[in-house]
Amino acid sequence: MRIIFVLALILCLSPAAAPGEEFESVSKPSADITLSFVRPGRIADVACKEGDTVKKGKLLAKQEDKAEQIQLEMLAVQAADETKIKLAEAELAQKRKDLARLENAGQTNAATSWEIEHSRLEVRTAELNLEKARVDHEQDRRRHQESGAQLSLLHLLSPINGQVEEVKIEEGESVQGLDPVIRVVQTDPLQIDVPVPVSLANQLRRNQPARVTFPAMPGQKKADQVEGRVENISTVAEAASNTLRVRINAANSLKRPVGERVSITFLNVGEGKKPASPSPGR
């Protein structure tokens, strides 16, 4: 009973949030990724600079890769070469013809049983040679794929559509594996985490609209506002403040910088939530 009383007291003393109330928070990028090379090497090219807008898959930088390029070309030739397979197929076809002639000759005692058995062994050997040629060709193909994967480790590609925030390398410089070299951020959409009282958070739902108000810029008569959407509502409350973290995504067509203090107002609070079933009367 004492525990229940204490929990009830905490809920009563927690600040109640009314629909339409504004909450303060700070905007942050929806993605913030620091890229590194996997292994040490010399920087051959830096294909971006700070402030560049980049698309996903854009080459940002690469290490010296001449030796790996040559190795890849050599393995590509081997992977495409089917000469050994064709040779083994031709040999097998000839061995089968030879065996057929001997078996026909054996019906008239023109070939001995030893000659026929020896020919059958040659056919089996030719079959195994063909199988080995195919296995070898598959191994060549996989070595080519592996070489391509190793080469790709020397190239840094942007994993997102975003902006280059920081470049820490220069052409000709040597770097160690896993050293941070380039930072890419995505600021459209913006991401905003808001601590919301549990009483209000329980009335929210995913994809619910929320108005985001930015601080007025110099010369602006009216602050910029955009409509965001609730992306996630945390399931674990912060005990000290009795709040849940609510994450909002908001389009950033206005190109606002991240790190601004913004105001959040949740819209249509309570809509779409099923009312609680009344307790049965005593």
Protein backbone atom coordinates (compact mmCIF):
# COMPACT_ATOMS: atom_id res chain seq x y z
CA MET A 1 0.00 0.00 0.00
CA ARG A 2 2.83 2.40 0.85
CA ILE A 3 4.47 1.82 -2.58
CA ILE A 4 1.18 2.46 -4.38
CA PHE A 5 0.67 5.63 -2.33
CA VAL A 6 4.16 6.93 -3.19
CA LEU A 7 3.68 6.26 -6.91
CA ALA A 8 0.33 8.02 -6.85
CA LEU A 9 1.91 10.98 -5.05
CA ILE A 10 4.66 11.22 -7.69
CA LEU A 11 2.10 11.25 -10.47
CA CYS A 12 0.10 13.92 -8.71
CA LEU A 13 3.15 16.12 -8.16
CA SER A 14 4.40 15.68 -11.75
CA PRO A 15 3.75 18.72 -13.92
CA ALA A 16 0.61 18.18 -15.96
CA ALA A 17 0.88 19.04 -19.64
CA ALA A 18 -2.06 20.65 -21.36
CA PRO A 19 -2.73 20.18 -25.07
CA GLY A 20 -1.17 23.09 -26.96
CA GLU A 21 1.67 23.53 -24.46
CA GLU A 22 5.07 24.32 -25.94
CA PHE A 23 8.17 22.26 -25.16
CA GLU A 24 11.75 23.42 -25.61
CA SER A 25 14.37 21.24 -27.28
CA VAL A 26 17.37 21.38 -29.62
CA SER A 27 17.41 20.29 -33.26
CA LYS A 28 20.00 17.79 -34.46
CA PRO A 29 20.82 16.07 -37.74
CA SER A 30 18.86 13.00 -38.70
CA ALA A 31 22.19 11.34 -39.53
CA ASP A 32 25.70 12.21 -38.37
CA ILE A 33 28.34 9.79 -39.67
CA THR A 34 32.11 9.89 -39.27
CA LEU A 35 33.88 7.82 -41.92
CA SER A 36 37.21 5.99 -41.64
CA PHE A 37 39.40 3.79 -43.81
CA VAL A 38 39.63 0.21 -42.60
CA ARG A 39 43.38 -0.14 -43.10
CA PRO A 40 46.38 2.21 -43.14
CA GLY A 41 47.52 3.77 -46.41
CA ARG A 42 48.37 6.90 -48.35
CA ILE A 43 45.60 9.24 -49.51
CA ALA A 44 45.56 9.33 -53.32
CA ASP A 45 42.60 11.67 -53.78
CA VAL A 46 40.19 13.78 -51.71
CA ALA A 47 37.12 14.29 -53.90
CA CYS A 48 35.14 16.56 -51.57
CA LYS A 49 35.51 19.64 -49.41
CA GLU A 50 33.71 20.94 -46.37
CA GLY A 51 30.29 22.31 -47.24
CA ASP A 52 29.78 20.09 -50.30
CA THR A 53 26.33 18.59 -50.80
CA VAL A 54 26.74 14.91 -51.67
CA LYS A 55 24.50 12.10 -52.82
CA LYS A 56 24.54 8.60 -51.37
CA GLY A 57 27.32 6.59 -53.07
CA LYS A 58 29.40 9.64 -54.02
CA LEU A 59 33.17 9.03 -53.84
CA LEU A 60 34.59 11.22 -51.08
CA ALA A 61 38.22 10.03 -50.87
CA LYS A 62 40.39 7.08 -51.81
CA GLN A 63 43.72 5.55 -50.81
CA GLU A 64 46.48 4.53 -53.21
CA ASP A 65 45.08 1.52 -55.09
CA LYS A 66 47.26 0.90 -58.19
CA ALA A 67 48.45 -2.54 -57.06
CA GLU A 68 44.89 -3.57 -56.16
CA GLN A 69 43.60 -2.34 -59.54
CA ILE A 70 46.20 -4.45 -61.40
CA GLN A 71 45.37 -7.49 -59.26
CA LEU A 72 41.66 -7.02 -59.97
CA GLU A 73 42.25 -6.82 -63.73
CA MET A 74 44.34 -10.01 -63.68
CA LEU A 75 41.68 -11.89 -61.74
CA ALA A 76 38.96 -10.55 -64.03
CA VAL A 77 40.71 -12.20 -67.00
CA GLN A 78 40.97 -15.50 -65.10
CA ALA A 79 37.35 -15.34 -63.97
CA ALA A 80 36.18 -14.83 -67.56
CA ASP A 81 38.40 -17.57 -69.03
CA GLU A 82 36.45 -20.80 -69.66
CA THR A 83 39.13 -22.42 -71.82
CA LYS A 84 39.90 -25.21 -69.32
CA ILE A 85 36.22 -26.08 -69.04
CA LYS A 86 35.80 -26.26 -72.82
CA LEU A 87 38.94 -28.40 -73.13
CA ALA A 88 37.70 -30.81 -70.46
CA GLU A 89 34.29 -31.01 -72.18
CA ALA A 90 35.95 -31.83 -75.51
CA GLU A 91 38.13 -34.53 -73.95
CA LEU A 92 35.14 -36.09 -72.19
CA ALA A 93 33.10 -36.13 -75.41
CA GLN A 94 35.97 -37.88 -77.24
CA LYS A 95 36.45 -40.45 -74.44
CA ARG A 96 32.75 -41.29 -74.55
CA LYS A 97 32.91 -41.84 -78.32
CA ASP A 98 35.95 -44.08 -77.90
CA LEU A 99 34.13 -46.11 -75.26
CA ALA A 100 31.07 -46.51 -77.46
CA ARG A 101 33.21 -47.83 -80.35
CA LEU A 102 34.98 -50.33 -78.09
CA GLU A 103 31.69 -51.56 -76.60
CA ASN A 104 30.34 -52.12 -80.13
CA ALA A 105 33.54 -53.88 -81.09
CA GLY A 106 33.34 -56.02 -77.97
CA GLN A 107 30.04 -57.49 -79.18
CA THR A 108 31.93 -59.09 -82.06
CA ASN A 109 35.01 -59.94 -79.94
CA ALA A 110 37.01 -57.25 -81.79
CA ALA A 111 37.90 -55.59 -78.45
CA THR A 112 38.94 -57.21 -75.19
CA SER A 113 37.19 -56.69 -71.89
CA TRP A 114 40.39 -55.09 -70.57
CA GLU A 115 40.31 -52.46 -73.35
CA ILE A 116 36.67 -51.69 -72.59
CA GLU A 117 37.27 -51.35 -68.83
CA HIS A 118 40.31 -49.16 -69.47
CA SER A 119 38.21 -46.92 -71.73
CA ARG A 120 35.51 -46.66 -69.06
CA LEU A 121 38.18 -45.55 -66.59
CA GLU A 122 39.34 -42.89 -69.04
CA VAL A 123 35.74 -41.62 -69.33
CA ARG A 124 35.45 -41.42 -65.55
CA THR A 125 38.77 -39.59 -65.34
CA ALA A 126 37.60 -37.12 -68.00
CA GLU A 127 34.38 -36.52 -66.04
CA LEU A 128 36.40 -35.72 -62.91
CA ASN A 129 38.70 -33.42 -64.90
CA LEU A 130 35.65 -31.51 -66.13
CA GLU A 131 34.28 -31.24 -62.61
CA LYS A 132 37.65 -29.94 -61.38
CA ALA A 133 37.81 -27.38 -64.20
CA ARG A 134 34.41 -26.06 -63.20
CA VAL A 135 35.42 -25.87 -59.51
CA ASP A 136 38.64 -24.04 -60.45
CA HIS A 137 36.66 -21.58 -62.57
CA GLU A 138 34.27 -20.91 -59.69
CA GLN A 139 37.24 -20.28 -57.38
CA ASP A 140 38.68 -17.82 -59.91
CA ARG A 141 35.35 -16.04 -60.01
CA ARG A 142 35.17 -15.80 -56.22
CA ARG A 143 38.78 -14.58 -55.99
CA HIS A 144 37.84 -11.83 -58.43
CA GLN A 145 34.88 -10.87 -56.23
CA GLU A 146 37.10 -10.88 -53.15
CA SER A 147 39.64 -8.65 -54.87
CA GLY A 148 36.85 -6.21 -55.80
CA ALA A 149 35.70 -6.15 -52.19
CA GLN A 150 39.26 -5.47 -50.99
CA LEU A 151 39.58 -2.63 -53.50
CA SER A 152 36.32 -1.08 -52.30
CA LEU A 153 37.81 -0.79 -48.80
CA LEU A 154 40.23 1.79 -50.22
CA HIS A 155 37.36 4.02 -51.37
CA LEU A 156 35.18 6.11 -49.04
CA LEU A 157 31.64 6.59 -50.38
CA SER A 158 28.99 8.75 -48.80
CA PRO A 159 26.47 6.47 -47.03
CA ILE A 160 23.74 9.14 -47.11
CA ASN A 161 22.43 12.16 -48.96
CA GLY A 162 23.84 15.01 -46.93
CA GLN A 163 26.55 17.59 -46.48
CA VAL A 164 30.26 17.23 -45.82
CA GLU A 165 30.73 18.79 -42.40
CA GLU A 166 34.39 18.04 -41.78
CA VAL A 167 37.41 16.84 -43.80
CA LYS A 168 40.48 15.86 -41.77
CA ILE A 169 42.77 14.54 -44.53
CA GLU A 170 44.79 15.89 -47.45
CA GLU A 171 46.08 14.27 -50.64
CA GLY A 172 49.42 12.56 -50.08
CA GLU A 173 48.88 12.19 -46.35
CA SER A 174 49.24 8.78 -44.68
CA VAL A 175 46.48 7.64 -42.34
CA GLN A 176 46.03 4.81 -39.90
CA GLY A 177 43.14 2.38 -40.07
CA LEU A 178 39.95 3.56 -38.36
CA ASP A 179 41.21 7.15 -37.97
CA PRO A 180 38.26 9.57 -38.41
CA VAL A 181 38.75 11.30 -41.77
CA ILE A 182 35.44 12.69 -43.09
CA ARG A 183 32.19 13.61 -41.36
CA VAL A 184 28.89 13.70 -43.28
CA VAL A 185 25.61 14.96 -41.79
CA GLN A 186 22.03 14.88 -42.99
CA THR A 187 20.02 17.91 -41.90
CA ASP A 188 16.89 17.28 -43.94
CA PRO A 189 14.89 16.04 -42.18
CA LEU A 190 15.83 17.47 -38.80
CA GLN A 191 15.52 15.29 -35.74
CA ILE A 192 14.28 16.62 -32.42
CA ASP A 193 14.06 14.70 -29.14
CA VAL A 194 11.59 16.17 -26.66
CA PRO A 195 11.10 15.10 -23.01
CA VAL A 196 7.31 14.97 -22.64
CA PRO A 197 5.36 14.31 -19.41
CA VAL A 198 4.01 10.78 -19.33
CA SER A 199 0.45 12.09 -19.03
CA LEU A 200 0.76 13.79 -22.43
CA ALA A 201 2.98 11.20 -24.09
CA ASN A 202 0.28 8.59 -23.46
CA GLN A 203 -2.05 10.66 -25.65
CA LEU A 204 0.37 10.82 -28.57
CA ARG A 205 0.79 8.36 -31.42
CA ARG A 206 3.33 7.72 -34.13
CA ASN A 207 3.03 10.02 -37.17
CA GLN A 208 1.10 12.59 -35.13
CA PRO A 209 1.69 16.18 -36.33
CA ALA A 210 3.74 18.60 -34.26
CA ARG A 211 4.49 22.25 -34.95
CA VAL A 212 8.17 23.19 -34.80
CA THR A 213 8.93 26.88 -34.21
CA PHE A 214 12.45 28.15 -34.89
CA PRO A 215 14.00 31.25 -33.33
CA ALA A 216 13.50 34.36 -35.46
CA MET A 217 16.47 35.26 -37.64
CA PRO A 218 17.78 38.85 -37.70
CA GLY A 219 15.38 40.99 -39.72
CA GLN A 220 12.54 38.45 -39.51
CA LYS A 221 9.20 39.75 -38.28
CA LYS A 222 7.83 36.26 -37.76
CA ALA A 223 9.59 33.10 -36.66
CA ASP A 224 9.78 30.20 -39.12
CA GLN A 225 7.47 27.27 -38.45
CA VAL A 226 7.26 23.81 -40.02
CA GLU A 227 5.12 20.78 -39.34
CA GLY A 228 6.93 17.67 -38.15
CA ARG A 229 5.75 14.17 -37.33
CA VAL A 230 6.21 11.97 -34.28
CA GLU A 231 8.58 9.20 -35.28
CA ASN A 232 8.90 7.36 -31.99
CA ILE A 233 7.67 7.47 -28.40
CA SER A 234 10.02 5.91 -25.89
CA THR A 235 8.68 3.05 -23.78
CA VAL A 236 11.02 3.76 -20.84
CA ALA A 237 10.23 6.79 -18.67
CA GLU A 238 12.80 9.04 -17.00
CA ALA A 239 11.98 8.45 -13.35
CA ALA A 240 13.35 11.75 -12.03
CA SER A 241 11.21 13.91 -14.34
CA ASN A 242 8.44 11.42 -15.11
CA THR A 243 8.85 12.07 -18.84
CA LEU A 244 9.13 10.02 -22.01
CA ARG A 245 11.42 10.88 -24.89
CA VAL A 246 9.42 11.69 -28.03
CA ARG A 247 11.33 11.88 -31.31
CA ILE A 248 10.11 14.20 -34.07
CA ASN A 249 11.22 14.37 -37.69
CA ALA A 250 10.70 17.69 -39.47
CA ALA A 251 11.46 18.60 -43.08
CA ASN A 252 14.17 21.23 -43.38
CA SER A 253 13.42 22.89 -46.70
CA LEU A 254 14.25 26.20 -44.99
CA LYS A 255 17.87 25.00 -44.56
CA ARG A 256 17.93 25.84 -40.86
CA PRO A 257 21.17 24.96 -39.08
CA VAL A 258 21.15 22.15 -36.54
CA GLY A 259 21.71 22.86 -32.86
CA GLU A 260 19.07 25.59 -32.61
CA ARG A 261 16.73 25.80 -29.66
CA VAL A 262 13.22 25.16 -30.99
CA SER A 263 9.71 25.07 -29.56
CA ILE A 264 7.46 22.06 -30.11
CA THR A 265 3.66 22.05 -29.97
CA PHE A 266 1.84 18.76 -30.45
CA LEU A 267 -1.27 19.02 -32.64
CA ASN A 268 -4.49 16.98 -32.51
CA VAL A 269 -3.58 15.58 -29.09
CA GLY A 270 -5.73 12.62 -28.09
CA GLU A 271 -7.18 12.07 -31.56
CA GLY A 272 -6.97 8.50 -32.75
CA LYS A 273 -6.58 7.13 -29.23
CA LYS A 274 -9.24 4.71 -28.06
CA PRO A 275 -10.92 5.85 -24.82
CA ALA A 276 -10.26 3.69 -21.79
CA SER A 277 -13.00 1.19 -21.01
CA PRO A 278 -15.06 2.22 -17.93
CA SER A 279 -14.57 0.13 -14.83
CA PRO A 280 -17.56 -2.11 -14.04
CA GLY A 281 -19.75 -0.68 -11.27
CA ARG A 282 -19.86 -2.32 -7.92
